[in-house]
């Protein structure tokens, strides 16, 4: 049997039915690409393993004895991958209209980029812009801390972090692509050493993209490859998710920002959380979200260290 062109890697953690739904869409919508599916289950306590074995007997299912996080799980899966291309796909996604076939064709037409992504949509098929970002800078962090990036979300000046003025209907090279729908060439993966497992969850794909850019590989987005990203299925607590997000951002600063700039960048992250905490304390006291922001602020000494 010939090796598949593409290895699709999913990391599952207590997402049994969602993973099944995601794989149903992969098989339904991918007709032109020879692919294999590798699912790494991160020690789920639900019926994930049972459901996947019953409904997808031909996939490679790797059962980890411990939760390795997203990066660790992906790396474990890639060890078994045979494809020339590697696609990271979240279990909380639904590929639409041949999106994987379209992204593979786009990659072959733009081989020099080495990393390719598509467009994410919300459940109602409205645009979800959280699929591409710029690298952290003083300006992006300052405008976020002051709320200007949200107030002027369609501005590429105030919201450059999320490419605010880009309509998502054109091809665009970006700094960072979301790991929910993330295609890379195997030789790029091997050259970079894959994702860094120290990023337990969040910012691991950002680190990969920034390291790739240093080697001459610039991530690029195809506007025709689209999928729904439902988001956040492994997190039921807002504060827990945000603490991990902040840890990832701080670790990214530790790795990719010059030493003399790091304290300023971290202070701007702290200012962002402080402002959110104060706004909810003063104007929305007693709300559940206010309690969550208080918890995030109280854990600042933890997340300001990054992933150590």
C-alpha atoms as a PDB file:
ATOM      1  CA  UNK A   1       0.000   0.000   0.000  1.00  0.00           C
ATOM      2  CA  UNK A   2       1.345   3.436  -0.928  1.00  0.00           C
ATOM      3  CA  UNK A   3       1.980   5.941   1.828  1.00  0.00           C
ATOM      4  CA  UNK A   4      -0.750   8.565   2.238  1.00  0.00           C
ATOM      5  CA  UNK A   5      -0.057  12.093   1.089  1.00  0.00           C
ATOM      6  CA  UNK A   6      -1.504  13.485   4.294  1.00  0.00           C
ATOM      7  CA  UNK A   7      -1.476  12.498   7.960  1.00  0.00           C
ATOM      8  CA  UNK A   8      -4.330  14.071   9.936  1.00  0.00           C
ATOM      9  CA  UNK A   9      -3.585  14.337  13.659  1.00  0.00           C
ATOM     10  CA  UNK A  10      -6.321  14.890  16.251  1.00  0.00           C
ATOM     11  CA  UNK A  11      -5.763  15.087  20.002  1.00  0.00           C
ATOM     12  CA  UNK A  12      -8.792  13.984  21.987  1.00  0.00           C
ATOM     13  CA  UNK A  13      -9.534  14.736  25.624  1.00  0.00           C
ATOM     14  CA  UNK A  14     -13.044  13.912  26.860  1.00  0.00           C
ATOM     15  CA  UNK A  15     -14.569  14.909  23.509  1.00  0.00           C
ATOM     16  CA  UNK A  16     -16.013  11.563  22.383  1.00  0.00           C
ATOM     17  CA  UNK A  17     -19.006  12.685  20.343  1.00  0.00           C
ATOM     18  CA  UNK A  18     -17.337  15.835  19.034  1.00  0.00           C
ATOM     19  CA  UNK A  19     -14.313  13.860  17.826  1.00  0.00           C
ATOM     20  CA  UNK A  20     -16.662  11.424  16.111  1.00  0.00           C
ATOM     21  CA  UNK A  21     -18.527  14.308  14.462  1.00  0.00           C
ATOM     22  CA  UNK A  22     -15.242  15.905  13.321  1.00  0.00           C
ATOM     23  CA  UNK A  23     -14.035  12.643  11.773  1.00  0.00           C
ATOM     24  CA  UNK A  24     -17.363  12.052  10.041  1.00  0.00           C
ATOM     25  CA  UNK A  25     -16.891  15.433   8.322  1.00  0.00           C
ATOM     26  CA  UNK A  26     -13.278  14.615   7.385  1.00  0.00           C
ATOM     27  CA  UNK A  27     -14.276  11.391   5.633  1.00  0.00           C
ATOM     28  CA  UNK A  28     -17.327  12.971   4.027  1.00  0.00           C
ATOM     29  CA  UNK A  29     -15.580  16.067   2.682  1.00  0.00           C
ATOM     30  CA  UNK A  30     -12.131  14.730   1.721  1.00  0.00           C
ATOM     31  CA  UNK A  31     -12.400  12.938  -1.622  1.00  0.00           C
ATOM     32  CA  UNK A  32      -9.280  13.940  -3.572  1.00  0.00           C
ATOM     33  CA  UNK A  33      -6.506  13.435  -1.003  1.00  0.00           C
ATOM     34  CA  UNK A  34      -5.093  10.113   0.174  1.00  0.00           C
ATOM     35  CA  UNK A  35      -4.938  10.465   3.950  1.00  0.00           C
ATOM     36  CA  UNK A  36      -4.549   8.603   7.200  1.00  0.00           C
ATOM     37  CA  UNK A  37      -6.057   9.595  10.546  1.00  0.00           C
ATOM     38  CA  UNK A  38      -4.151   9.377  13.810  1.00  0.00           C
ATOM     39  CA  UNK A  39      -6.013  10.173  17.022  1.00  0.00           C
ATOM     40  CA  UNK A  40      -4.103  10.571  20.267  1.00  0.00           C
ATOM     41  CA  UNK A  41      -6.349  10.203  23.288  1.00  0.00           C
ATOM     42  CA  UNK A  42      -4.947  12.146  26.238  1.00  0.00           C
ATOM     43  CA  UNK A  43      -6.140   9.787  28.990  1.00  0.00           C
ATOM     44  CA  UNK A  44      -9.810  10.705  28.562  1.00  0.00           C
ATOM     45  CA  UNK A  45     -12.214   9.649  31.304  1.00  0.00           C
ATOM     46  CA  UNK A  46     -15.263   9.619  29.027  1.00  0.00           C
ATOM     47  CA  UNK A  47     -16.116   7.071  26.324  1.00  0.00           C
ATOM     48  CA  UNK A  48     -13.726   8.534  23.737  1.00  0.00           C
ATOM     49  CA  UNK A  49     -11.686   5.385  23.152  1.00  0.00           C
ATOM     50  CA  UNK A  50     -14.741   3.121  22.969  1.00  0.00           C
ATOM     51  CA  UNK A  51     -16.593   5.448  20.583  1.00  0.00           C
ATOM     52  CA  UNK A  52     -13.627   5.850  18.261  1.00  0.00           C
ATOM     53  CA  UNK A  53     -12.846   2.128  18.134  1.00  0.00           C
ATOM     54  CA  UNK A  54     -16.456   1.315  17.321  1.00  0.00           C
ATOM     55  CA  UNK A  55     -17.033   3.934  14.655  1.00  0.00           C
ATOM     56  CA  UNK A  56     -13.576   4.280  13.071  1.00  0.00           C
ATOM     57  CA  UNK A  57     -11.812   0.890  13.194  1.00  0.00           C
ATOM     58  CA  UNK A  58      -9.315   1.905  10.479  1.00  0.00           C
ATOM     59  CA  UNK A  59      -7.808   4.921  12.232  1.00  0.00           C
ATOM     60  CA  UNK A  60      -4.648   4.740  14.294  1.00  0.00           C
ATOM     61  CA  UNK A  61      -5.726   5.309  17.888  1.00  0.00           C
ATOM     62  CA  UNK A  62      -2.970   6.000  20.375  1.00  0.00           C
ATOM     63  CA  UNK A  63      -3.993   5.803  24.029  1.00  0.00           C
ATOM     64  CA  UNK A  64      -1.736   7.956  26.198  1.00  0.00           C
ATOM     65  CA  UNK A  65      -1.604   6.974  29.860  1.00  0.00           C
ATOM     66  CA  UNK A  66      -1.382  10.629  30.845  1.00  0.00           C
ATOM     67  CA  UNK A  67      -2.583  13.986  29.567  1.00  0.00           C
ATOM     68  CA  UNK A  68       0.326  15.248  27.478  1.00  0.00           C
ATOM     69  CA  UNK A  69      -1.380  18.486  26.476  1.00  0.00           C
ATOM     70  CA  UNK A  70      -1.948  19.482  22.875  1.00  0.00           C
ATOM     71  CA  UNK A  71       1.697  19.794  21.804  1.00  0.00           C
ATOM     72  CA  UNK A  72       2.750  16.578  23.505  1.00  0.00           C
ATOM     73  CA  UNK A  73      -0.196  14.690  22.047  1.00  0.00           C
ATOM     74  CA  UNK A  74       0.470  15.964  18.527  1.00  0.00           C
ATOM     75  CA  UNK A  75       4.155  15.022  18.749  1.00  0.00           C
ATOM     76  CA  UNK A  76       3.201  11.508  19.839  1.00  0.00           C
ATOM     77  CA  UNK A  77       0.875  11.215  16.865  1.00  0.00           C
ATOM     78  CA  UNK A  78       3.380  12.554  14.340  1.00  0.00           C
ATOM     79  CA  UNK A  79       5.858   9.871  15.408  1.00  0.00           C
ATOM     80  CA  UNK A  80       3.548   7.368  13.689  1.00  0.00           C
ATOM     81  CA  UNK A  81       2.692   9.561  10.686  1.00  0.00           C
ATOM     82  CA  UNK A  82       3.596   8.445   7.165  1.00  0.00           C
ATOM     83  CA  UNK A  83       2.314  11.409   5.168  1.00  0.00           C
ATOM     84  CA  UNK A  84       4.369  14.003   3.307  1.00  0.00           C
ATOM     85  CA  UNK A  85       2.084  16.623   4.876  1.00  0.00           C
ATOM     86  CA  UNK A  86       0.884  16.893   8.473  1.00  0.00           C
ATOM     87  CA  UNK A  87      -2.520  18.402   9.300  1.00  0.00           C
ATOM     88  CA  UNK A  88      -3.337  19.335  12.892  1.00  0.00           C
ATOM     89  CA  UNK A  89      -7.101  19.308  13.319  1.00  0.00           C
ATOM     90  CA  UNK A  90      -9.080  20.031  16.472  1.00  0.00           C
ATOM     91  CA  UNK A  91     -11.863  17.640  17.499  1.00  0.00           C
ATOM     92  CA  UNK A  92     -14.168  20.668  17.921  1.00  0.00           C
ATOM     93  CA  UNK A  93     -14.178  21.401  14.189  1.00  0.00           C
ATOM     94  CA  UNK A  94     -16.252  20.522  11.133  1.00  0.00           C
ATOM     95  CA  UNK A  95     -14.554  20.765   7.751  1.00  0.00           C
ATOM     96  CA  UNK A  96     -16.782  22.207   5.032  1.00  0.00           C
ATOM     97  CA  UNK A  97     -17.003  21.882   1.254  1.00  0.00           C
ATOM     98  CA  UNK A  98     -13.816  19.915   0.611  1.00  0.00           C
ATOM     99  CA  UNK A  99     -11.726  22.178   2.848  1.00  0.00           C
ATOM    100  CA  UNK A 100      -8.874  19.694   3.315  1.00  0.00           C
ATOM    101  CA  UNK A 101      -8.639  18.970  -0.417  1.00  0.00           C
ATOM    102  CA  UNK A 102      -8.621  22.713  -1.090  1.00  0.00           C
ATOM    103  CA  UNK A 103      -5.939  23.376   1.509  1.00  0.00           C
ATOM    104  CA  UNK A 104      -3.741  20.598   0.111  1.00  0.00           C
ATOM    105  CA  UNK A 105      -4.032  22.047  -3.399  1.00  0.00           C
ATOM    106  CA  UNK A 106      -3.222  25.500  -2.024  1.00  0.00           C
ATOM    107  CA  UNK A 107      -0.146  24.088  -0.263  1.00  0.00           C
ATOM    108  CA  UNK A 108       1.109  22.498  -3.467  1.00  0.00           C
ATOM    109  CA  UNK A 109       0.667  25.826  -5.258  1.00  0.00           C
ATOM    110  CA  UNK A 110       2.569  27.682  -2.488  1.00  0.00           C
ATOM    111  CA  UNK A 111       5.163  25.115  -1.490  1.00  0.00           C
ATOM    112  CA  UNK A 112       7.754  27.630  -0.299  1.00  0.00           C
ATOM    113  CA  UNK A 113       5.579  28.793   2.619  1.00  0.00           C
ATOM    114  CA  UNK A 114       5.758  25.479   4.475  1.00  0.00           C
ATOM    115  CA  UNK A 115       2.726  26.233   6.706  1.00  0.00           C
ATOM    116  CA  UNK A 116      -0.819  26.696   5.437  1.00  0.00           C
ATOM    117  CA  UNK A 117      -4.194  27.422   7.034  1.00  0.00           C
ATOM    118  CA  UNK A 118      -7.776  28.239   6.160  1.00  0.00           C
ATOM    119  CA  UNK A 119     -10.660  30.332   7.419  1.00  0.00           C
ATOM    120  CA  UNK A 120     -12.631  29.469  10.558  1.00  0.00           C
ATOM    121  CA  UNK A 121     -16.336  30.088  10.973  1.00  0.00           C
ATOM    122  CA  UNK A 122     -18.628  30.156  13.996  1.00  0.00           C
ATOM    123  CA  UNK A 123     -21.405  27.611  14.448  1.00  0.00           C
ATOM    124  CA  UNK A 124     -23.846  29.915  12.608  1.00  0.00           C
ATOM    125  CA  UNK A 125     -21.332  30.176   9.720  1.00  0.00           C
ATOM    126  CA  UNK A 126     -20.453  33.784  10.565  1.00  0.00           C
ATOM    127  CA  UNK A 127     -16.773  34.669  10.290  1.00  0.00           C
ATOM    128  CA  UNK A 128     -14.515  33.747  13.194  1.00  0.00           C
ATOM    129  CA  UNK A 129     -11.327  35.784  12.916  1.00  0.00           C
ATOM    130  CA  UNK A 130      -9.398  33.808  15.539  1.00  0.00           C
ATOM    131  CA  UNK A 131      -7.452  31.766  13.011  1.00  0.00           C
ATOM    132  CA  UNK A 132      -4.513  34.090  12.355  1.00  0.00           C
ATOM    133  CA  UNK A 133      -2.554  36.655  14.389  1.00  0.00           C
ATOM    134  CA  UNK A 134       0.479  38.859  14.226  1.00  0.00           C
ATOM    135  CA  UNK A 135       3.440  38.338  16.508  1.00  0.00           C
ATOM    136  CA  UNK A 136       3.265  40.191  19.858  1.00  0.00           C
ATOM    137  CA  UNK A 137       4.611  43.735  19.737  1.00  0.00           C
ATOM    138  CA  UNK A 138       4.524  46.733  22.063  1.00  0.00           C
ATOM    139  CA  UNK A 139       1.710  48.252  20.010  1.00  0.00           C
ATOM    140  CA  UNK A 140      -0.496  45.160  19.815  1.00  0.00           C
ATOM    141  CA  UNK A 141      -0.184  44.503  23.551  1.00  0.00           C
ATOM    142  CA  UNK A 142      -0.756  48.156  24.467  1.00  0.00           C
ATOM    143  CA  UNK A 143      -3.886  48.505  22.330  1.00  0.00           C
ATOM    144  CA  UNK A 144      -5.228  45.243  23.743  1.00  0.00           C
ATOM    145  CA  UNK A 145      -4.556  46.352  27.338  1.00  0.00           C
ATOM    146  CA  UNK A 146      -6.345  49.651  26.744  1.00  0.00           C
ATOM    147  CA  UNK A 147      -9.297  48.011  24.983  1.00  0.00           C
ATOM    148  CA  UNK A 148      -8.609  49.822  21.718  1.00  0.00           C
ATOM    149  CA  UNK A 149      -8.171  46.648  19.666  1.00  0.00           C
ATOM    150  CA  UNK A 150     -11.698  45.609  20.630  1.00  0.00           C
ATOM    151  CA  UNK A 151     -13.200  49.086  20.265  1.00  0.00           C
ATOM    152  CA  UNK A 152     -11.691  49.445  16.780  1.00  0.00           C
ATOM    153  CA  UNK A 153     -11.767  45.790  15.757  1.00  0.00           C
ATOM    154  CA  UNK A 154     -11.890  46.615  12.028  1.00  0.00           C
ATOM    155  CA  UNK A 155      -8.741  48.724  12.169  1.00  0.00           C
ATOM    156  CA  UNK A 156      -5.410  47.291  11.104  1.00  0.00           C
ATOM    157  CA  UNK A 157      -3.704  49.978  13.187  1.00  0.00           C
ATOM    158  CA  UNK A 158      -5.459  49.413  16.507  1.00  0.00           C
ATOM    159  CA  UNK A 159      -6.206  45.734  15.853  1.00  0.00           C
ATOM    160  CA  UNK A 160      -3.120  44.675  13.951  1.00  0.00           C
ATOM    161  CA  UNK A 161      -2.858  41.707  16.340  1.00  0.00           C
ATOM    162  CA  UNK A 162      -5.849  40.143  14.584  1.00  0.00           C
ATOM    163  CA  UNK A 163      -5.424  41.817  11.173  1.00  0.00           C
ATOM    164  CA  UNK A 164      -8.593  43.826  11.750  1.00  0.00           C
ATOM    165  CA  UNK A 165      -9.004  45.323   8.271  1.00  0.00           C
ATOM    166  CA  UNK A 166      -8.440  42.052   6.425  1.00  0.00           C
ATOM    167  CA  UNK A 167     -11.784  40.781   5.108  1.00  0.00           C
ATOM    168  CA  UNK A 168     -10.616  37.126   4.980  1.00  0.00           C
ATOM    169  CA  UNK A 169     -11.505  36.896   1.302  1.00  0.00           C
ATOM    170  CA  UNK A 170      -7.949  37.069  -0.062  1.00  0.00           C
ATOM    171  CA  UNK A 171      -4.762  35.054   0.273  1.00  0.00           C
ATOM    172  CA  UNK A 172      -2.588  36.502   3.024  1.00  0.00           C
ATOM    173  CA  UNK A 173       0.765  35.715   4.602  1.00  0.00           C
ATOM    174  CA  UNK A 174       0.512  35.992   8.389  1.00  0.00           C
ATOM    175  CA  UNK A 175       2.755  35.593  11.408  1.00  0.00           C
ATOM    176  CA  UNK A 176       0.767  32.930  13.271  1.00  0.00           C
ATOM    177  CA  UNK A 177      -1.882  30.370  12.313  1.00  0.00           C
ATOM    178  CA  UNK A 178      -4.311  28.653  14.662  1.00  0.00           C
ATOM    179  CA  UNK A 179      -3.505  25.038  15.490  1.00  0.00           C
ATOM    180  CA  UNK A 180      -7.149  24.024  14.958  1.00  0.00           C
ATOM    181  CA  UNK A 181      -6.606  23.707  11.168  1.00  0.00           C
ATOM    182  CA  UNK A 182      -2.862  23.759  10.620  1.00  0.00           C
ATOM    183  CA  UNK A 183      -1.106  22.161   7.663  1.00  0.00           C
ATOM    184  CA  UNK A 184       2.658  21.864   7.480  1.00  0.00           C
ATOM    185  CA  UNK A 185       5.148  19.906   5.395  1.00  0.00           C
ATOM    186  CA  UNK A 186       6.874  17.009   7.107  1.00  0.00           C
ATOM    187  CA  UNK A 187      10.338  18.281   6.233  1.00  0.00           C
ATOM    188  CA  UNK A 188       9.529  21.618   7.906  1.00  0.00           C
ATOM    189  CA  UNK A 189       8.253  19.753  10.968  1.00  0.00           C
ATOM    190  CA  UNK A 190      11.430  17.689  11.139  1.00  0.00           C
ATOM    191  CA  UNK A 191      13.644  20.718  10.550  1.00  0.00           C
ATOM    192  CA  UNK A 192      12.008  22.568  13.461  1.00  0.00           C
ATOM    193  CA  UNK A 193      11.731  19.546  15.721  1.00  0.00           C
ATOM    194  CA  UNK A 194       7.937  19.784  15.769  1.00  0.00           C
ATOM    195  CA  UNK A 195       5.856  21.525  18.406  1.00  0.00           C
ATOM    196  CA  UNK A 196       7.551  22.196  21.722  1.00  0.00           C
ATOM    197  CA  UNK A 197       5.805  20.057  24.401  1.00  0.00           C
ATOM    198  CA  UNK A 198       6.721  22.627  27.055  1.00  0.00           C
ATOM    199  CA  UNK A 199       3.743  24.600  25.708  1.00  0.00           C
ATOM    200  CA  UNK A 200       1.204  22.327  27.402  1.00  0.00           C
ATOM    201  CA  UNK A 201      -1.740  24.065  25.735  1.00  0.00           C
ATOM    202  CA  UNK A 202      -1.965  27.341  23.775  1.00  0.00           C
ATOM    203  CA  UNK A 203       0.767  29.235  21.899  1.00  0.00           C
ATOM    204  CA  UNK A 204       2.531  26.061  20.765  1.00  0.00           C
ATOM    205  CA  UNK A 205       1.525  26.760  17.161  1.00  0.00           C
ATOM    206  CA  UNK A 206       2.616  30.397  17.560  1.00  0.00           C
ATOM    207  CA  UNK A 207       6.051  29.265  18.698  1.00  0.00           C
ATOM    208  CA  UNK A 208       6.247  26.871  15.731  1.00  0.00           C
ATOM    209  CA  UNK A 209       5.260  29.599  13.268  1.00  0.00           C
ATOM    210  CA  UNK A 210       7.775  32.106  14.622  1.00  0.00           C
ATOM    211  CA  UNK A 211      10.557  29.536  14.560  1.00  0.00           C
ATOM    212  CA  UNK A 212       9.560  28.577  11.016  1.00  0.00           C
ATOM    213  CA  UNK A 213       9.699  32.211   9.873  1.00  0.00           C
ATOM    214  CA  UNK A 214      13.282  32.384  11.103  1.00  0.00           C
ATOM    215  CA  UNK A 215      14.046  29.530   8.686  1.00  0.00           C
ATOM    216  CA  UNK A 216      12.297  31.259   5.780  1.00  0.00           C
ATOM    217  CA  UNK A 217       8.856  29.627   6.003  1.00  0.00           C
ATOM    218  CA  UNK A 218       6.044  32.184   6.208  1.00  0.00           C
ATOM    219  CA  UNK A 219       2.562  30.920   7.197  1.00  0.00           C
ATOM    220  CA  UNK A 220      -0.120  31.689   4.635  1.00  0.00           C
ATOM    221  CA  UNK A 221      -3.934  31.542   4.597  1.00  0.00           C
ATOM    222  CA  UNK A 222      -6.229  30.291   1.845  1.00  0.00           C
ATOM    223  CA  UNK A 223      -9.642  32.021   1.857  1.00  0.00           C
ATOM    224  CA  UNK A 224     -11.340  29.046   0.150  1.00  0.00           C
ATOM    225  CA  UNK A 225     -10.575  26.339   2.747  1.00  0.00           C
ATOM    226  CA  UNK A 226     -13.179  26.791   5.479  1.00  0.00           C
ATOM    227  CA  UNK A 227     -14.315  24.937   8.565  1.00  0.00           C
ATOM    228  CA  UNK A 228     -16.451  25.526  11.640  1.00  0.00           C
ATOM    229  CA  UNK A 229     -14.552  25.839  14.904  1.00  0.00           C
ATOM    230  CA  UNK A 230     -16.890  25.283  17.824  1.00  0.00           C
ATOM    231  CA  UNK A 231     -14.150  26.038  20.363  1.00  0.00           C
ATOM    232  CA  UNK A 232     -13.359  25.435  24.018  1.00  0.00           C
ATOM    233  CA  UNK A 233     -14.814  21.955  24.441  1.00  0.00           C
ATOM    234  CA  UNK A 234     -12.067  20.784  26.784  1.00  0.00           C
ATOM    235  CA  UNK A 235     -12.601  23.770  29.108  1.00  0.00           C
ATOM    236  CA  UNK A 236     -15.643  24.383  31.253  1.00  0.00           C
ATOM    237  CA  UNK A 237     -14.048  27.130  33.350  1.00  0.00           C
ATOM    238  CA  UNK A 238     -13.237  30.474  31.728  1.00  0.00           C
ATOM    239  CA  UNK A 239     -10.511  31.356  34.234  1.00  0.00           C
ATOM    240  CA  UNK A 240      -8.718  28.027  33.777  1.00  0.00           C
ATOM    241  CA  UNK A 241      -8.610  28.481  30.024  1.00  0.00           C
ATOM    242  CA  UNK A 242      -7.465  32.102  30.283  1.00  0.00           C
ATOM    243  CA  UNK A 243      -4.666  31.266  32.729  1.00  0.00           C
ATOM    244  CA  UNK A 244      -3.320  28.721  30.215  1.00  0.00           C
ATOM    245  CA  UNK A 245      -3.656  31.277  27.410  1.00  0.00           C
ATOM    246  CA  UNK A 246      -1.702  33.827  29.420  1.00  0.00           C
ATOM    247  CA  UNK A 247       0.962  31.283  30.322  1.00  0.00           C
ATOM    248  CA  UNK A 248       1.373  30.558  26.620  1.00  0.00           C
ATOM    249  CA  UNK A 249       1.640  34.247  25.752  1.00  0.00           C
ATOM    250  CA  UNK A 250       4.225  34.848  28.449  1.00  0.00           C
ATOM    251  CA  UNK A 251       6.243  31.835  27.299  1.00  0.00           C
ATOM    252  CA  UNK A 252       6.090  33.171  23.740  1.00  0.00           C
ATOM    253  CA  UNK A 253       7.493  36.477  25.007  1.00  0.00           C
ATOM    254  CA  UNK A 254      10.236  34.597  26.859  1.00  0.00           C
ATOM    255  CA  UNK A 255      11.223  32.772  23.681  1.00  0.00           C
ATOM    256  CA  UNK A 256      10.754  35.351  20.932  1.00  0.00           C
ATOM    257  CA  UNK A 257      11.157  38.842  22.411  1.00  0.00           C
ATOM    258  CA  UNK A 258      14.529  40.409  23.187  1.00  0.00           C
ATOM    259  CA  UNK A 259      15.468  40.318  26.852  1.00  0.00           C
ATOM    260  CA  UNK A 260      15.269  44.072  27.465  1.00  0.00           C
ATOM    261  CA  UNK A 261      11.699  44.229  26.084  1.00  0.00           C
ATOM    262  CA  UNK A 262      10.273  41.290  28.033  1.00  0.00           C
ATOM    263  CA  UNK A 263       9.405  43.138  31.279  1.00  0.00           C
ATOM    264  CA  UNK A 264       7.441  45.779  29.342  1.00  0.00           C
ATOM    265  CA  UNK A 265       5.543  43.192  27.297  1.00  0.00           C
ATOM    266  CA  UNK A 266       4.669  41.190  30.411  1.00  0.00           C
ATOM    267  CA  UNK A 267       3.543  44.343  32.196  1.00  0.00           C
ATOM    268  CA  UNK A 268       1.141  45.053  29.318  1.00  0.00           C
ATOM    269  CA  UNK A 269      -0.348  41.573  29.701  1.00  0.00           C
ATOM    270  CA  UNK A 270      -0.698  42.238  33.426  1.00  0.00           C
ATOM    271  CA  UNK A 271      -2.342  45.602  32.654  1.00  0.00           C
ATOM    272  CA  UNK A 272      -4.828  43.878  30.325  1.00  0.00           C
ATOM    273  CA  UNK A 273      -5.933  41.506  33.088  1.00  0.00           C
ATOM    274  CA  UNK A 274      -5.940  44.257  35.736  1.00  0.00           C
ATOM    275  CA  UNK A 275      -8.200  46.443  33.600  1.00  0.00           C
ATOM    276  CA  UNK A 276     -10.627  43.568  33.003  1.00  0.00           C
ATOM    277  CA  UNK A 277     -10.665  42.808  36.724  1.00  0.00           C
ATOM    278  CA  UNK A 278     -11.275  46.461  37.697  1.00  0.00           C
ATOM    279  CA  UNK A 279     -14.019  46.981  35.099  1.00  0.00           C
ATOM    280  CA  UNK A 280     -15.951  43.970  36.350  1.00  0.00           C
ATOM    281  CA  UNK A 281     -15.364  44.886  40.000  1.00  0.00           C
ATOM    282  CA  UNK A 282     -16.553  48.476  39.574  1.00  0.00           C
ATOM    283  CA  UNK A 283     -19.299  48.140  36.976  1.00  0.00           C
ATOM    284  CA  UNK A 284     -20.383  44.467  37.058  1.00  0.00           C
ATOM    285  CA  UNK A 285     -19.950  43.403  40.683  1.00  0.00           C
ATOM    286  CA  UNK A 286     -21.123  39.957  41.643  1.00  0.00           C
ATOM    287  CA  UNK A 287     -21.318  38.557  38.124  1.00  0.00           C
ATOM    288  CA  UNK A 288     -19.957  35.111  37.313  1.00  0.00           C
ATOM    289  CA  UNK A 289     -17.587  36.574  34.744  1.00  0.00           C
ATOM    290  CA  UNK A 290     -16.358  39.082  37.307  1.00  0.00           C
ATOM    291  CA  UNK A 291     -15.505  36.218  39.633  1.00  0.00           C
ATOM    292  CA  UNK A 292     -13.581  34.508  36.847  1.00  0.00           C
ATOM    293  CA  UNK A 293     -11.537  37.627  36.078  1.00  0.00           C
ATOM    294  CA  UNK A 294     -10.783  38.002  39.801  1.00  0.00           C
ATOM    295  CA  UNK A 295      -9.457  34.438  39.846  1.00  0.00           C
ATOM    296  CA  UNK A 296      -7.274  35.103  36.820  1.00  0.00           C
ATOM    297  CA  UNK A 297      -5.878  38.262  38.402  1.00  0.00           C
ATOM    298  CA  UNK A 298      -5.162  36.449  41.675  1.00  0.00           C
ATOM    299  CA  UNK A 299      -3.124  33.852  39.779  1.00  0.00           C
ATOM    300  CA  UNK A 300      -0.896  36.472  38.144  1.00  0.00           C
ATOM    301  CA  UNK A 301       2.301  35.328  39.879  1.00  0.00           C
ATOM    302  CA  UNK A 302       1.726  31.915  38.304  1.00  0.00           C
ATOM    303  CA  UNK A 303       0.944  32.841  34.690  1.00  0.00           C
ATOM    304  CA  UNK A 304       3.550  35.624  34.576  1.00  0.00           C
ATOM    305  CA  UNK A 305       6.203  32.900  34.798  1.00  0.00           C
ATOM    306  CA  UNK A 306       5.080  31.226  31.587  1.00  0.00           C
ATOM    307  CA  UNK A 307       5.450  27.459  31.202  1.00  0.00           C
ATOM    308  CA  UNK A 308       8.267  26.642  33.583  1.00  0.00           C
END
